[in-house]
Protein backbone atom coordinates (compact mmCIF):
# COMPACT_ATOMS: atom_id res chain seq x y z
CA MET A 1 -8.29 -20.32 11.48
CA THR A 2 -6.97 -20.07 8.05
CA SER A 3 -3.85 -21.93 7.75
CA PRO A 4 -1.08 -21.50 5.20
CA ARG A 5 -1.04 -23.69 1.92
CA HIS A 6 3.00 -24.45 1.94
CA GLY A 7 5.16 -25.49 4.44
CA HIS A 8 7.90 -23.66 3.30
CA TYR A 9 8.29 -19.87 2.57
CA ASP A 10 11.53 -17.91 1.71
CA ALA A 11 9.97 -14.77 3.65
CA ILE A 12 7.01 -14.26 6.17
CA VAL A 13 5.96 -10.55 6.12
CA VAL A 14 4.39 -9.73 9.70
CA GLY A 15 1.59 -7.07 8.99
CA ALA A 16 -0.37 -6.95 5.65
CA ARG A 17 -1.21 -3.36 5.42
CA CYS A 18 0.51 -0.64 3.22
CA ALA A 19 4.18 -1.66 4.01
CA GLY A 20 3.97 -5.02 4.36
CA ALA A 21 1.76 -5.74 1.54
CA ALA A 22 4.31 -3.88 -0.67
CA THR A 23 7.06 -6.02 0.52
CA ALA A 24 5.22 -8.99 0.20
CA MET A 25 4.20 -7.96 -3.57
CA LEU A 26 7.77 -6.90 -4.36
CA LEU A 27 9.33 -10.24 -2.91
CA ALA A 28 6.60 -12.01 -4.75
CA ARG A 29 7.46 -10.16 -8.28
CA ALA A 30 11.20 -11.05 -7.65
CA GLY A 31 10.04 -14.97 -7.69
CA LEU A 32 10.18 -15.71 -3.85
CA ASN A 33 7.51 -17.67 -2.04
CA VAL A 34 5.93 -15.40 0.46
CA LEU A 35 3.49 -15.06 2.97
CA ALA A 36 2.11 -12.21 4.44
CA ILE A 37 -0.24 -12.15 7.71
CA ASP A 38 -2.13 -9.37 9.19
CA ARG A 39 -4.36 -9.89 12.26
CA LYS A 40 -7.01 -7.53 11.19
CA PRO A 41 -9.55 -8.16 8.23
CA TYR A 42 -9.04 -7.71 4.64
CA GLY A 43 -9.53 -3.84 3.80
CA SER A 44 -10.29 -2.61 7.60
CA ASP A 45 -9.91 0.72 8.36
CA THR A 46 -6.92 2.30 10.48
CA LEU A 47 -5.76 6.02 11.37
CA SER A 48 -3.94 7.16 8.90
CA THR A 49 -3.13 10.98 7.76
CA HIS A 50 -3.82 9.56 4.42
CA ALA A 51 -1.40 11.90 2.77
CA LEU A 52 1.30 10.47 0.37
CA MET A 53 4.20 12.62 -0.70
CA ARG A 54 5.54 12.57 -4.17
CA PRO A 55 8.21 9.78 -3.72
CA ALA A 56 5.05 7.46 -2.32
CA VAL A 57 2.92 8.34 -5.41
CA LEU A 58 5.61 7.84 -7.84
CA GLN A 59 6.40 4.53 -6.31
CA LEU A 60 2.68 3.49 -6.84
CA TRP A 61 3.11 4.47 -10.03
CA ARG A 62 6.10 2.55 -10.95
CA TRP A 63 4.22 -0.41 -9.44
CA GLY A 64 1.36 0.31 -11.92
CA LEU A 65 -0.83 0.95 -8.82
CA LEU A 66 -1.81 4.55 -9.14
CA GLU A 67 -4.31 3.98 -11.98
CA PRO A 68 -6.25 1.46 -9.87
CA LEU A 69 -6.23 3.98 -6.85
CA LEU A 70 -7.80 6.74 -9.22
CA LYS A 71 -10.19 4.51 -10.52
CA ALA A 72 -11.45 3.57 -7.26
CA GLY A 73 -12.32 7.04 -6.30
CA THR A 74 -9.12 8.47 -4.63
CA PRO A 75 -9.09 12.05 -5.86
CA LEU A 76 -6.09 13.61 -7.53
CA ILE A 77 -4.75 16.84 -5.78
CA GLU A 78 -3.38 19.03 -8.36
CA THR A 79 -2.53 22.04 -6.21
CA THR A 80 -2.00 22.94 -2.78
CA THR A 81 -2.42 26.75 -1.11
CA PHE A 82 -0.53 28.16 1.52
CA HIS A 83 -1.95 30.72 3.67
CA TYR A 84 0.09 33.67 5.18
CA GLY A 85 -2.32 35.80 7.19
CA ASP A 86 -4.44 37.21 4.56
CA ASP A 87 -2.14 36.19 1.54
CA GLU A 88 -2.57 33.11 -0.25
CA ILE A 89 -0.24 31.25 -2.43
CA THR A 90 -1.47 28.39 -4.55
CA ILE A 91 1.01 26.45 -6.38
CA PRO A 92 0.72 23.03 -8.75
CA LEU A 93 1.96 20.03 -7.16
CA ALA A 94 2.55 18.22 -10.79
CA SER A 95 5.09 20.86 -12.11
CA GLY A 96 8.14 19.49 -13.85
CA SER A 97 6.98 15.79 -12.93
CA ASP A 98 5.46 12.91 -14.85
CA LEU A 99 2.91 12.75 -11.71
CA PRO A 100 -0.47 14.40 -12.52
CA GLY A 101 -0.34 15.18 -8.90
CA LEU A 102 -0.53 14.04 -5.01
CA ILE A 103 -2.98 11.38 -3.28
CA ALA A 104 -4.50 11.08 -0.15
CA PRO A 105 -6.29 7.57 -0.69
CA ARG A 106 -8.46 6.34 2.38
CA ARG A 107 -6.49 2.99 3.87
CA THR A 108 -9.45 0.76 3.25
CA VAL A 109 -8.57 1.24 -0.42
CA LEU A 110 -4.83 1.82 -0.38
CA ASP A 111 -4.36 -1.47 1.91
CA ARG A 112 -6.83 -3.29 -0.58
CA ILE A 113 -5.14 -2.49 -3.97
CA LEU A 114 -1.69 -3.18 -2.20
CA VAL A 115 -2.65 -6.69 -0.69
CA ASP A 116 -4.68 -7.67 -4.32
CA ALA A 117 -1.20 -6.97 -6.02
CA ALA A 118 0.76 -8.86 -3.78
CA ARG A 119 -1.67 -12.02 -4.40
CA LYS A 120 -1.59 -11.25 -8.00
CA ALA A 121 2.20 -11.62 -7.79
CA GLY A 122 2.15 -14.66 -6.06
CA ALA A 123 2.03 -14.01 -2.48
CA GLU A 124 -0.08 -15.88 -0.07
CA ILE A 125 -1.96 -13.54 2.49
CA LEU A 126 -4.14 -14.57 5.71
CA HIS A 127 -5.72 -12.16 7.40
CA GLU A 128 -7.43 -12.60 10.93
CA VAL A 129 -3.78 -14.34 11.93
CA ALA A 130 -1.69 -13.02 14.70
CA VAL A 131 1.85 -14.11 15.33
CA GLY A 132 2.18 -16.10 18.78
CA ASP A 133 5.56 -17.31 18.49
CA LEU A 134 8.80 -18.14 16.32
CA PHE A 135 10.74 -21.48 15.92
CA ALA A 136 14.07 -21.61 14.82
CA ASP A 137 14.00 -24.83 12.45
């Protein structure tokens, strides 16, 4: 089992997938000493709809992570089509926005990019580690 590098952390995040890794990244960027742990292997797959709505894509763009997702092969979704019986209406998704469109990345891609960003920010990330008990100091 991998052990943490430090004996003290300002924050310990349990779960290092999209939400936990993003939290660890932001805390580390704010200067905190952060440990994030996840019971699954780095970059492992998980069930997901994959679809990210505009606020999530905008946040990834603000964090500087949209370009790495696109470079990793995540397709850009620029239009959507609504079907009403025999009628179809296609609308652009980037209309009036700084965003070029929406994305639906595989979790194997999204989670790795977020974990890597958290590590780059200074967070320590441990995979294949589970929480057993919590102790008060």
